[in-house]
C-alpha cells in the first residue's frame, strides 16, 4: 500500500472535483444542506438550553423545599417542646395551692412566643379549659368535641398530634392544632394540652417566595388533608386529596420529583416533595411547566425564528443562484454545441469533425479496428450559386446535408460539413467494402435530391466522393489526405463518382493513371 503522503498528484481526480464544484446542482445541494445543518445545530442548542432550564428549576425547587422544611420543622419542634414543658409542669409540687397568676407562670414558663402563636390551653378530662396562656382567669369553654381531644382520649402514648385546620372558638381565626395527652398518676386520661399555630404563619412563610404565576406550595397531613396552600384559597384548607394520583405518588416515593397534572386546576406542574422530618407532614413545591419553560421558550422563539428566516433566505438565494448557474450551464452547453455545429445545415462542423476524427483514429490504432472516411463534394456547386443565387445554393446544401445524414444509421457514424460544399462521413469500425456501400447509398440519396422552388429536379445535383480506409492492424496516418486525394481524382475523372485512395484497392488495367485511383461508382 502506498502511504497517503506519497500518492502522486496525478492519481487525485482533480478534474472530477473541479467539474463537481462547477456543477449547479452541487451548489444548490450545499445551499440547502448548509441551512438544514444550521437548523439542526440550533435545535440541539435550544434543546440543551431547555435541559439547563429544567436543571435550574429542579435545583431551585430542592433548595426551596429544604429551606421550608427546616423552618417548619424547627417551628413545630419549638411548639412541641412548649407542650411537653406544660405537661411536665402540671406535676410541679405546690401547683394546686399556687395563686392563679403564679400557676400560669409555672405552667407556661417555657412556652414559645411568636406573633403567629395562637392559643395555648390546658383541658381537663371533660374538655373544660383549666389554664389559658392568654387570659387570666382562663377563658371558659369546652372542647370535648374536638378531634384533637377525642384522639388522645381514645389512645394513650400517641405523643404529639397534629390535627386538621380549625377555626378557633376564642379568636375566630384559622389555626393548626398541636396537642399532647395528660395522664393522671394512675395512667388514666387526665386531659389535653393544646397549642395552635395561626395559618397566617404559613402564608407569611410561603408568600416570601416567587414561584411564577402557576407555581404553588402545599402542606399536607400524612392522611391527605391539605393544611395550607399558596396561593391561598379558603376552599383548599381541610380538603382531602388522599386519592389523587399526585398525593399517592408523595406517599409511595416519600421524596423526589415528577411532572403531573393537578387535579385541582388541571395545570401541569413539576412537583418536588419530601416529608418534614419525622412529623406526619408532607411538603411540596410545584412549579408550572409553562413557567419553567417560559424564559427558554421566549429565547427559542426569537433564536429559532431568526434562524429559520436566515436559513429560508439562504435556501431561496441558493435556489436562485442554482437556477442562474443552470441557465449559465445551459448557455455554455448551447454555445459549446453551436461552436461544433454548422449554422446552415445543422450538421457537426469542421471543429467537431477534427475532434472526433482524432479520437476515432487513436481508437482504431489502439484497438486494431478498421476506420473509413468519405469526403463528399457537391459537383459544380458554384454554377448553382451563380445561376440561382445564394438562397438556392443554401437550400441545396441543406437538402444535401439531409440526404447525407440519411445515408448512415449507426450512432457512431459522423456526417459533418467541413467547408463550403464539402462534407465528410466518418465511419468507425468500417472497412473499405463497407465504406463503398455507404458511398453507393450516398449517390442514391443525392440522386433523389430536388429543389422544386428553383426548378431543380431529381438527378440534377450530383456529388463526388473520395474514399480512404484503414484496415485492422493497418496505419491510420494521413487518412484524411488520402480521402481528399481520392476526391480530387473523382473530380478529375468526370465527377458524380467515388474513387478509392491509391494503394487501398488494386486498380484494374483500365483505371485512370492519375493518382492511381479506381472508379467504383457513377450515378
Protein backbone atom coordinates (compact mmCIF):
# COMPACT_ATOMS: atom_id res chain seq x y z
CA UNK A 1 0.00 0.00 0.00
CA UNK A 2 1.37 3.43 -0.91
CA UNK A 3 1.37 5.84 2.06
CA UNK A 4 -1.04 8.74 1.75
CA UNK A 5 1.76 11.30 1.74
CA UNK A 6 3.38 9.54 -1.27
CA UNK A 7 0.33 9.34 -3.52
CA UNK A 8 1.23 11.04 -6.82
CA UNK A 9 -0.80 14.13 -7.52
CA UNK A 10 -1.79 12.66 -10.86
CA UNK A 11 -3.76 9.95 -9.03
CA UNK A 12 -6.07 12.51 -7.39
CA UNK A 13 -9.16 13.13 -9.59
CA UNK A 14 -8.80 16.92 -9.54
CA UNK A 15 -10.60 17.21 -12.83
CA UNK A 16 -13.63 15.39 -11.48
CA UNK A 17 -13.55 17.55 -8.35
CA UNK A 18 -13.39 20.68 -10.48
CA UNK A 19 -16.38 19.54 -12.53
CA UNK A 20 -18.26 18.72 -9.34
CA UNK A 21 -17.55 22.16 -7.88
CA UNK A 22 -18.69 23.86 -11.06
CA UNK A 23 -21.98 21.98 -11.09
CA UNK A 24 -25.11 24.00 -10.31
CA UNK A 25 -26.64 21.00 -8.54
CA UNK A 26 -23.62 20.84 -6.22
CA UNK A 27 -24.03 24.43 -5.09
CA UNK A 28 -27.78 24.08 -4.82
CA UNK A 29 -27.34 20.99 -2.65
CA UNK A 30 -24.77 22.78 -0.48
CA UNK A 31 -27.01 25.84 -0.31
CA UNK A 32 -29.85 23.68 1.02
CA UNK A 33 -27.81 21.34 3.24
CA UNK A 34 -25.92 24.15 4.97
CA UNK A 35 -29.10 25.86 6.31
CA UNK A 36 -30.53 22.46 7.24
CA UNK A 37 -27.35 21.85 9.22
CA UNK A 38 -27.71 25.26 10.85
CA UNK A 39 -31.29 24.42 11.83
CA UNK A 40 -30.15 21.08 13.28
CA UNK A 41 -27.34 22.72 15.28
CA UNK A 42 -29.70 25.44 16.51
CA UNK A 43 -32.20 22.77 17.52
CA UNK A 44 -29.53 20.96 19.52
CA UNK A 45 -28.51 24.22 21.20
CA UNK A 46 -32.11 25.03 22.09
CA UNK A 47 -32.61 21.51 23.43
CA UNK A 48 -29.53 22.00 25.59
CA UNK A 49 -30.86 25.34 26.84
CA UNK A 50 -34.15 23.65 27.68
CA UNK A 51 -32.34 21.00 29.71
CA UNK A 52 -30.48 23.78 31.52
CA UNK A 53 -33.80 25.48 32.34
CA UNK A 54 -35.16 22.27 33.81
CA UNK A 55 -31.95 21.59 35.74
CA UNK A 56 -32.17 25.08 37.28
CA UNK A 57 -35.84 24.58 38.10
CA UNK A 58 -35.12 21.25 39.79
CA UNK A 59 -32.25 22.70 41.83
CA UNK A 60 -34.32 25.74 42.80
CA UNK A 61 -37.22 23.54 43.89
CA UNK A 62 -34.97 21.35 46.01
CA UNK A 63 -33.36 24.38 47.66
CA UNK A 64 -36.73 25.96 48.45
CA UNK A 65 -38.10 22.68 49.77
CA UNK A 66 -35.09 22.26 52.03
CA UNK A 67 -35.38 25.80 53.45
CA UNK A 68 -39.12 25.50 54.07
CA UNK A 69 -38.81 22.02 55.57
CA UNK A 70 -36.19 23.18 58.05
CA UNK A 71 -38.17 26.28 59.05
CA UNK A 72 -41.42 24.36 59.59
CA UNK A 73 -39.68 21.51 61.40
CA UNK A 74 -37.96 23.98 63.75
CA UNK A 75 -41.22 25.82 64.46
CA UNK A 76 -43.13 22.61 65.19
CA UNK A 77 -40.28 21.42 67.40
CA UNK A 78 -40.42 24.64 69.46
CA UNK A 79 -44.20 24.38 69.91
CA UNK A 80 -43.93 20.71 70.84
CA UNK A 81 -41.26 21.49 73.43
CA UNK A 82 -43.66 24.06 74.88
CA UNK A 83 -46.42 21.43 75.10
CA UNK A 84 -44.09 18.91 76.74
CA UNK A 85 -42.93 21.52 79.25
CA UNK A 86 -46.53 22.32 80.18
CA UNK A 87 -47.32 18.63 80.69
CA UNK A 88 -44.28 18.31 82.97
CA UNK A 89 -45.13 21.49 84.89
CA UNK A 90 -48.58 20.13 85.72
CA UNK A 91 -46.80 17.77 88.14
CA UNK A 92 -44.82 20.54 89.83
CA UNK A 93 -45.09 20.48 93.68
CA UNK A 94 -47.48 23.05 95.14
CA UNK A 95 -49.04 23.90 91.80
CA UNK A 96 -52.56 23.21 93.07
CA UNK A 97 -52.08 25.61 96.00
CA UNK A 98 -50.46 28.41 93.95
CA UNK A 99 -52.50 31.53 93.16
CA UNK A 100 -53.80 31.77 89.54
CA UNK A 101 -51.08 34.14 88.29
CA UNK A 102 -48.29 32.02 89.74
CA UNK A 103 -49.94 28.89 88.34
CA UNK A 104 -49.96 30.47 84.88
CA UNK A 105 -46.29 31.39 85.15
CA UNK A 106 -45.32 27.91 86.31
CA UNK A 107 -47.29 26.12 83.58
CA UNK A 108 -46.27 28.26 80.64
CA UNK A 109 -42.81 29.44 81.71
CA UNK A 110 -41.13 27.64 78.79
CA UNK A 111 -43.85 28.20 76.21
CA UNK A 112 -42.74 29.58 72.86
CA UNK A 113 -43.99 33.01 71.98
CA UNK A 114 -44.35 34.41 68.48
CA UNK A 115 -46.71 36.57 66.52
CA UNK A 116 -48.23 33.55 64.83
CA UNK A 117 -48.76 31.59 68.04
CA UNK A 118 -52.48 31.09 68.57
CA UNK A 119 -53.95 29.86 71.82
CA UNK A 120 -52.40 27.53 74.36
CA UNK A 121 -54.79 25.82 76.72
CA UNK A 122 -54.90 23.09 79.35
CA UNK A 123 -58.08 21.00 79.12
CA UNK A 124 -59.25 18.63 81.85
CA UNK A 125 -60.63 15.14 81.33
CA UNK A 126 -64.07 16.58 80.47
CA UNK A 127 -62.67 19.04 77.90
CA UNK A 128 -63.06 22.18 80.01
CA UNK A 129 -60.40 24.90 79.97
CA UNK A 130 -58.45 24.96 83.22
CA UNK A 131 -55.49 27.09 82.19
CA UNK A 132 -55.02 29.68 79.42
CA UNK A 133 -51.72 31.26 78.40
CA UNK A 134 -53.52 34.26 77.02
CA UNK A 135 -56.01 35.14 79.77
CA UNK A 136 -56.37 35.22 83.50
CA UNK A 137 -58.77 34.00 84.62
CA UNK A 138 -58.90 31.41 81.80
CA UNK A 139 -61.44 31.88 79.03
CA UNK A 140 -64.29 29.48 79.55
CA UNK A 141 -65.01 26.79 77.01
CA UNK A 142 -65.45 23.10 76.46
CA UNK A 143 -63.61 21.30 73.65
CA UNK A 144 -64.53 17.72 74.28
CA UNK A 145 -65.95 17.53 70.76
CA UNK A 146 -62.74 18.50 69.04
CA UNK A 147 -60.80 15.83 67.16
CA UNK A 148 -57.58 16.74 68.92
CA UNK A 149 -59.31 15.96 72.25
CA UNK A 150 -61.04 12.74 71.26
CA UNK A 151 -57.96 11.26 69.64
CA UNK A 152 -55.95 11.49 72.87
CA UNK A 153 -58.96 10.38 74.91
CA UNK A 154 -59.09 7.21 72.82
CA UNK A 155 -55.35 6.48 72.63
CA UNK A 156 -52.53 6.63 75.08
CA UNK A 157 -48.93 7.09 74.05
CA UNK A 158 -49.83 8.98 70.87
CA UNK A 159 -47.29 11.70 71.56
CA UNK A 160 -47.59 14.87 69.51
CA UNK A 161 -50.77 15.04 67.48
CA UNK A 162 -51.17 17.48 64.59
CA UNK A 163 -54.78 17.92 63.56
CA UNK A 164 -56.64 19.34 60.60
CA UNK A 165 -57.07 23.13 60.38
CA UNK A 166 -59.75 24.53 62.68
CA UNK A 167 -61.43 27.87 63.31
CA UNK A 168 -60.69 28.99 66.85
CA UNK A 169 -63.78 29.45 69.02
CA UNK A 170 -61.87 32.05 71.00
CA UNK A 171 -60.42 34.23 68.23
CA UNK A 172 -62.28 33.15 65.10
CA UNK A 173 -59.00 32.61 63.22
CA UNK A 174 -57.86 29.63 61.17
CA UNK A 175 -55.35 27.63 63.18
CA UNK A 176 -53.40 24.39 63.10
CA UNK A 177 -53.76 22.44 66.39
CA UNK A 178 -50.88 20.68 68.15
CA UNK A 179 -51.75 18.60 71.22
CA UNK A 180 -50.37 16.18 73.79
CA UNK A 181 -52.15 13.91 76.27
CA UNK A 182 -52.13 14.49 80.04
CA UNK A 183 -52.08 11.32 82.16
CA UNK A 184 -53.09 11.07 85.79
CA UNK A 185 -50.70 9.34 88.22
CA UNK A 186 -52.58 6.09 87.68
CA UNK A 187 -52.13 6.39 83.88
CA UNK A 188 -55.75 7.24 83.11
CA UNK A 189 -56.73 10.07 80.80
CA UNK A 190 -56.40 13.42 82.56
CA UNK A 191 -56.90 15.90 79.72
CA UNK A 192 -55.05 17.57 76.85
CA UNK A 193 -52.52 20.37 76.43
CA UNK A 194 -53.39 22.29 73.27
CA UNK A 195 -51.27 24.69 71.30
CA UNK A 196 -52.21 26.25 68.00
CA UNK A 197 -50.31 28.00 65.23
CA UNK A 198 -52.09 30.53 63.09
CA UNK A 199 -52.24 29.53 59.46
CA UNK A 200 -51.01 33.05 58.71
CA UNK A 201 -47.57 31.73 59.71
CA UNK A 202 -47.53 29.50 56.61
CA UNK A 203 -48.95 32.28 54.47
CA UNK A 204 -46.14 34.59 55.52
CA UNK A 205 -43.54 31.87 55.08
CA UNK A 206 -44.73 30.73 51.66
CA UNK A 207 -45.59 34.23 50.45
CA UNK A 208 -41.97 35.33 50.52
CA UNK A 209 -41.18 33.00 47.61
CA UNK A 210 -41.74 33.73 43.92
CA UNK A 211 -42.67 30.55 42.08
CA UNK A 212 -44.13 32.14 38.98
CA UNK A 213 -47.79 32.63 38.02
CA UNK A 214 -48.59 28.92 38.04
CA UNK A 215 -46.41 27.87 40.99
CA UNK A 216 -47.78 26.51 44.29
CA UNK A 217 -46.67 25.28 47.71
CA UNK A 218 -48.73 22.71 49.60
CA UNK A 219 -48.55 21.34 53.12
CA UNK A 220 -50.42 18.10 53.82
CA UNK A 221 -51.05 15.79 56.70
CA UNK A 222 -49.99 12.22 56.06
CA UNK A 223 -53.68 11.27 55.56
CA UNK A 224 -54.01 13.65 52.59
CA UNK A 225 -55.60 16.61 54.40
CA UNK A 226 -54.38 19.89 52.94
CA UNK A 227 -53.26 22.18 55.77
CA UNK A 228 -52.15 25.12 53.63
CA UNK A 229 -51.77 26.08 50.01
CA UNK A 230 -50.03 29.03 48.46
CA UNK A 231 -51.50 30.94 46.70
CA UNK A 232 -54.09 30.86 49.47
CA UNK A 233 -57.68 29.80 48.88
CA UNK A 234 -60.09 29.11 51.76
CA UNK A 235 -61.79 26.31 49.90
CA UNK A 236 -58.49 24.38 49.76
CA UNK A 237 -57.96 24.26 53.52
CA UNK A 238 -59.00 20.99 55.09
CA UNK A 239 -59.68 19.32 51.72
CA UNK A 240 -58.53 15.73 51.50
CA UNK A 241 -56.77 14.59 48.32
CA UNK A 242 -55.64 11.17 49.53
CA UNK A 243 -56.96 9.54 46.33
CA UNK A 244 -55.32 11.99 43.94
CA UNK A 245 -52.52 10.46 41.78
CA UNK A 246 -50.09 13.16 42.88
CA UNK A 247 -50.61 12.51 46.59
CA UNK A 248 -50.37 8.75 46.16
CA UNK A 249 -47.02 9.40 44.50
CA UNK A 250 -45.97 11.54 47.51
CA UNK A 251 -46.80 8.71 49.90
CA UNK A 252 -45.28 5.95 47.77
CA UNK A 253 -41.96 7.65 46.91
CA UNK A 254 -41.56 9.55 50.18
CA UNK A 255 -39.44 12.20 48.42
CA UNK A 256 -38.36 13.11 44.91
CA UNK A 257 -39.75 14.97 41.92
CA UNK A 258 -42.00 14.31 38.95
CA UNK A 259 -44.25 16.04 36.41
CA UNK A 260 -48.00 15.60 36.67
CA UNK A 261 -51.28 17.44 36.14
CA UNK A 262 -53.01 18.85 39.19
CA UNK A 263 -56.49 17.51 39.96
CA UNK A 264 -57.33 20.89 41.48
CA UNK A 265 -56.90 23.17 38.45
CA UNK A 266 -55.67 20.96 35.58
CA UNK A 267 -52.29 22.72 35.40
CA UNK A 268 -49.25 20.61 34.57
CA UNK A 269 -46.60 21.12 37.24
CA UNK A 270 -43.17 19.92 38.27
CA UNK A 271 -43.55 18.59 41.82
CA UNK A 272 -40.67 18.36 44.30
CA UNK A 273 -41.71 16.85 47.63
CA UNK A 274 -40.43 15.50 50.94
CA UNK A 275 -41.72 14.72 54.45
CA UNK A 276 -40.95 17.20 57.22
CA UNK A 277 -38.56 15.29 59.45
CA UNK A 278 -40.38 12.52 61.32
CA UNK A 279 -43.60 14.52 61.52
CA UNK A 280 -46.79 13.36 59.78
CA UNK A 281 -46.44 16.27 57.36
CA UNK A 282 -45.68 16.31 53.62
CA UNK A 283 -44.47 19.46 51.87
CA UNK A 284 -44.27 20.02 48.14
CA UNK A 285 -43.09 22.82 45.88
CA UNK A 286 -44.82 22.79 42.50
CA UNK A 287 -43.63 24.82 39.51
CA UNK A 288 -45.87 25.14 36.45
CA UNK A 289 -44.08 23.60 33.47
CA UNK A 290 -45.08 26.58 31.34
CA UNK A 291 -43.34 28.87 33.84
CA UNK A 292 -40.22 26.70 33.86
CA UNK A 293 -40.01 26.92 30.08
CA UNK A 294 -41.32 30.49 29.69
CA UNK A 295 -37.91 32.19 29.52
CA UNK A 296 -36.48 29.39 27.39
CA UNK A 297 -39.48 29.46 25.08
CA UNK A 298 -39.11 33.20 24.53
CA UNK A 299 -35.44 32.74 23.60
CA UNK A 300 -36.26 29.69 21.48
CA UNK A 301 -38.88 31.62 19.51
CA UNK A 302 -36.50 34.50 18.88
CA UNK A 303 -33.47 32.37 18.05
CA UNK A 304 -35.49 29.80 16.12
CA UNK A 305 -37.38 32.48 14.21
CA UNK A 306 -34.21 34.34 13.23
CA UNK A 307 -32.51 31.07 12.26
CA UNK A 308 -35.45 29.93 10.15
CA UNK A 309 -35.70 33.29 8.40
CA UNK A 310 -31.97 33.36 7.66
CA UNK A 311 -31.97 29.73 6.55
CA UNK A 312 -35.03 30.33 4.41
CA UNK A 313 -33.32 33.29 2.75
CA UNK A 314 -30.17 31.24 2.29
CA UNK A 315 -32.10 28.39 0.69
CA UNK A 316 -34.04 30.80 -1.52
CA UNK A 317 -30.86 32.56 -2.61
CA UNK A 318 -29.17 29.21 -3.18
CA UNK A 319 -32.03 28.05 -5.37
CA UNK A 320 -31.94 31.32 -7.31
CA UNK A 321 -28.18 31.05 -7.61
CA UNK A 322 -28.52 27.44 -8.69
CA UNK A 323 -31.11 28.42 -11.29
CA UNK A 324 -28.76 31.05 -12.66
CA UNK A 325 -25.94 28.51 -12.71
CA UNK A 326 -28.17 26.09 -14.59
CA UNK A 327 -29.02 28.81 -17.09
CA UNK A 328 -25.35 29.57 -17.41
CA UNK A 329 -24.50 25.89 -17.87
CA UNK A 330 -27.26 25.56 -20.46
CA UNK A 331 -25.99 28.66 -22.24
CA UNK A 332 -22.44 27.32 -22.15
CA UNK A 333 -23.61 23.93 -23.40
CA UNK A 334 -25.54 25.65 -26.16
CA UNK A 335 -22.52 27.75 -27.06
CA UNK A 336 -20.35 24.65 -27.00
CA UNK A 337 -22.84 22.88 -29.24
CA UNK A 338 -23.01 25.89 -31.57
CA UNK A 339 -19.23 26.04 -31.70
CA UNK A 340 -19.28 22.48 -33.04
CA UNK A 341 -22.37 22.81 -35.28
CA UNK A 342 -22.65 24.22 -38.76
CA UNK A 343 -25.16 27.09 -38.61
CA UNK A 344 -26.59 26.49 -42.10
CA UNK A 345 -27.06 22.73 -42.28
CA UNK A 346 -27.20 21.83 -38.57
CA UNK A 347 -24.53 19.18 -39.11
CA UNK A 348 -21.37 19.00 -36.97
CA UNK A 349 -18.81 21.48 -38.26
CA UNK A 350 -15.12 21.08 -39.08
CA UNK A 351 -14.06 21.59 -35.44
CA UNK A 352 -16.31 18.76 -34.29
CA UNK A 353 -15.10 16.60 -37.18
CA UNK A 354 -11.44 17.13 -36.33
CA UNK A 355 -12.02 16.28 -32.64
CA UNK A 356 -13.99 13.14 -33.48
CA UNK A 357 -11.62 12.13 -36.27
CA UNK A 358 -8.61 12.39 -33.94
CA UNK A 359 -10.35 10.29 -31.26
CA UNK A 360 -11.54 7.69 -33.80
CA UNK A 361 -8.07 7.45 -35.33
CA UNK A 362 -6.49 6.86 -31.92
CA UNK A 363 -9.12 4.21 -31.05
CA UNK A 364 -8.64 2.40 -34.36
CA UNK A 365 -4.85 2.41 -33.91
CA UNK A 366 -5.02 1.22 -30.29
CA UNK A 367 -7.68 -1.47 -30.76
CA UNK A 368 -6.67 -2.58 -34.27
CA UNK A 369 -10.10 -1.86 -35.72
CA UNK A 370 -10.94 -0.62 -39.23
CA UNK A 371 -11.76 3.01 -39.95
CA UNK A 372 -13.12 4.60 -43.12
CA UNK A 373 -13.55 8.16 -44.30
CA UNK A 374 -15.62 9.61 -47.15
CA UNK A 375 -15.01 13.15 -48.39
CA UNK A 376 -18.09 14.31 -50.31
CA UNK A 377 -18.19 17.40 -52.54
CA UNK A 378 -21.13 18.83 -54.50
CA UNK A 379 -20.36 18.92 -58.22
CA UNK A 380 -20.43 22.30 -59.99
CA UNK A 381 -21.89 23.97 -56.94
CA UNK A 382 -20.61 27.41 -57.98
CA UNK A 383 -22.82 27.22 -61.08
CA UNK A 384 -25.91 26.90 -58.91
CA UNK A 385 -24.92 29.92 -56.86
CA UNK A 386 -24.18 31.95 -59.98
CA UNK A 387 -27.35 30.91 -61.77
CA UNK A 388 -29.91 30.77 -58.96
CA UNK A 389 -28.31 32.89 -56.24
CA UNK A 390 -27.06 32.10 -52.78
CA UNK A 391 -30.52 31.35 -51.26
CA UNK A 392 -30.97 28.46 -53.68
CA UNK A 393 -27.40 27.40 -53.08
CA UNK A 394 -28.10 27.34 -49.35
CA UNK A 395 -31.25 25.31 -49.96
CA UNK A 396 -29.22 22.78 -51.96
CA UNK A 397 -26.65 22.49 -49.17
CA UNK A 398 -29.39 21.94 -46.56
CA UNK A 399 -31.07 19.27 -48.70
CA UNK A 400 -27.70 17.65 -49.39
CA UNK A 401 -26.99 17.56 -45.63
CA UNK A 402 -30.27 15.77 -45.03
CA UNK A 403 -29.52 13.22 -47.77
CA UNK A 404 -26.06 12.53 -46.39
CA UNK A 405 -27.40 12.11 -42.87
CA UNK A 406 -29.98 9.66 -44.22
CA UNK A 407 -27.21 7.54 -45.73
CA UNK A 408 -25.89 6.36 -42.33
CA UNK A 409 -27.75 4.84 -39.41
CA UNK A 410 -25.25 3.96 -36.68
CA UNK A 411 -24.84 6.37 -33.74
CA UNK A 412 -21.04 6.34 -34.05
CA UNK A 413 -21.09 7.41 -37.72
CA UNK A 414 -20.47 11.13 -38.15
CA UNK A 415 -21.67 13.28 -41.05
CA UNK A 416 -20.21 16.80 -40.96
CA UNK A 417 -19.78 19.87 -43.13
CA UNK A 418 -16.10 20.74 -43.29
CA UNK A 419 -16.32 23.78 -45.51
CA UNK A 420 -18.28 25.27 -48.43
CA UNK A 421 -19.95 22.45 -50.35
CA UNK A 422 -17.58 19.84 -48.92
CA UNK A 423 -18.75 17.21 -46.39
CA UNK A 424 -17.08 14.32 -44.54
CA UNK A 425 -18.55 10.99 -43.43
CA UNK A 426 -16.51 9.25 -40.72
CA UNK A 427 -17.22 5.52 -40.40
CA UNK A 428 -15.61 3.86 -37.35
CA UNK A 429 -15.23 0.07 -37.41
CA UNK A 430 -15.95 0.03 -41.16
CA UNK A 431 -13.65 -1.46 -43.77
CA UNK A 432 -13.22 -0.37 -47.37
CA UNK A 433 -16.02 -2.60 -48.68
CA UNK A 434 -18.47 -1.27 -46.12
CA UNK A 435 -17.45 2.31 -46.89
CA UNK A 436 -18.02 1.59 -50.60
CA UNK A 437 -21.60 0.52 -49.87
CA UNK A 438 -22.17 3.73 -47.88
CA UNK A 439 -20.79 5.72 -50.84
CA UNK A 440 -23.25 3.97 -53.18
CA UNK A 441 -26.06 4.80 -50.80
CA UNK A 442 -24.95 8.46 -50.77
CA UNK A 443 -25.12 8.60 -54.57
CA UNK A 444 -28.59 7.04 -54.47
CA UNK A 445 -29.84 9.51 -51.85
CA UNK A 446 -28.40 12.51 -53.70
CA UNK A 447 -29.94 11.31 -56.96
CA UNK A 448 -33.35 11.92 -55.37
CA UNK A 449 -32.49 15.47 -54.28
CA UNK A 450 -34.65 18.22 -55.84
CA UNK A 451 -35.35 21.90 -55.23
CA UNK A 452 -38.78 22.43 -56.82
CA UNK A 453 -38.91 26.14 -55.95
CA UNK A 454 -35.85 26.74 -58.16
CA UNK A 455 -36.89 24.28 -60.85
CA UNK A 456 -34.11 21.86 -59.94
CA UNK A 457 -35.31 18.32 -60.37
CA UNK A 458 -34.08 14.98 -59.11
CA UNK A 459 -30.75 13.93 -60.55
CA UNK A 460 -29.60 17.46 -61.31
CA UNK A 461 -27.38 17.65 -58.26
CA UNK A 462 -24.51 15.16 -58.04
CA UNK A 463 -21.55 14.60 -55.73
CA UNK A 464 -18.05 13.32 -55.99
CA UNK A 465 -16.66 11.13 -53.20
CA UNK A 466 -13.16 10.28 -52.10
CA UNK A 467 -12.85 7.12 -50.00
CA UNK A 468 -9.98 6.08 -47.76
CA UNK A 469 -9.89 3.32 -45.18
CA UNK A 470 -7.57 1.79 -42.65
CA UNK A 471 -7.94 -1.96 -42.34
CA UNK A 472 -7.45 -3.81 -38.99
CA UNK A 473 -3.81 -3.61 -37.97
CA UNK A 474 -3.13 -1.09 -40.71
CA UNK A 475 -1.96 2.51 -40.41
CA UNK A 476 -4.32 5.45 -39.97
CA UNK A 477 -1.70 8.02 -40.85
CA UNK A 478 -2.85 10.61 -43.46
CA UNK A 479 -6.30 9.02 -43.84
CA UNK A 480 -7.80 12.44 -44.47
CA UNK A 481 -5.11 13.31 -47.03
CA UNK A 482 -5.74 10.04 -48.84
CA UNK A 483 -9.52 10.59 -48.93
CA UNK A 484 -9.02 14.16 -50.13
CA UNK A 485 -6.70 12.93 -52.85
CA UNK A 486 -9.29 10.37 -53.89
CA UNK A 487 -11.90 13.14 -54.07
CA UNK A 488 -9.63 15.13 -56.34
CA UNK A 489 -9.30 12.10 -58.57
CA UNK A 490 -13.09 11.69 -58.69
CA UNK A 491 -13.48 15.32 -59.73
CA UNK A 492 -10.78 14.94 -62.36
CA UNK A 493 -12.31 11.70 -63.60
CA UNK A 494 -15.62 13.30 -64.52
CA UNK A 495 -17.40 13.86 -61.18
CA UNK A 496 -20.52 12.02 -59.88
CA UNK A 497 -18.42 9.06 -58.84
CA UNK A 498 -16.49 7.55 -55.95
CA UNK A 499 -12.75 6.93 -56.02
CA UNK A 500 -10.74 4.86 -53.56
CA UNK A 501 -7.39 6.14 -52.38
CA UNK A 502 -4.38 4.69 -54.17
CA UNK A 503 -2.88 1.54 -52.76
CA UNK A 504 -6.01 0.59 -50.80
CA UNK A 505 -7.61 -1.47 -53.58
CA UNK A 506 -5.87 -2.98 -56.63
CA UNK A 507 -6.67 -0.87 -59.69
CA UNK A 508 -7.76 -2.66 -62.89
CA UNK A 509 -5.74 -2.12 -66.08
CA UNK A 510 -8.36 0.30 -67.45
CA UNK A 511 -8.31 2.55 -64.36
CA UNK A 512 -7.13 6.14 -64.87
CA UNK A 513 -3.47 6.52 -64.15
CA UNK A 514 -3.77 9.92 -62.42
CA UNK A 515 -3.43 9.45 -58.68
CA UNK A 516 -3.57 5.68 -59.06
CA UNK A 517 -7.28 5.77 -58.18
CA UNK A 518 -10.12 3.38 -59.06
CA UNK A 519 -13.64 4.42 -60.15
CA UNK A 520 -16.08 2.40 -58.03
CA UNK A 521 -19.38 4.05 -58.80
CA UNK A 522 -21.12 6.57 -61.01
CA UNK A 523 -24.69 7.75 -60.98
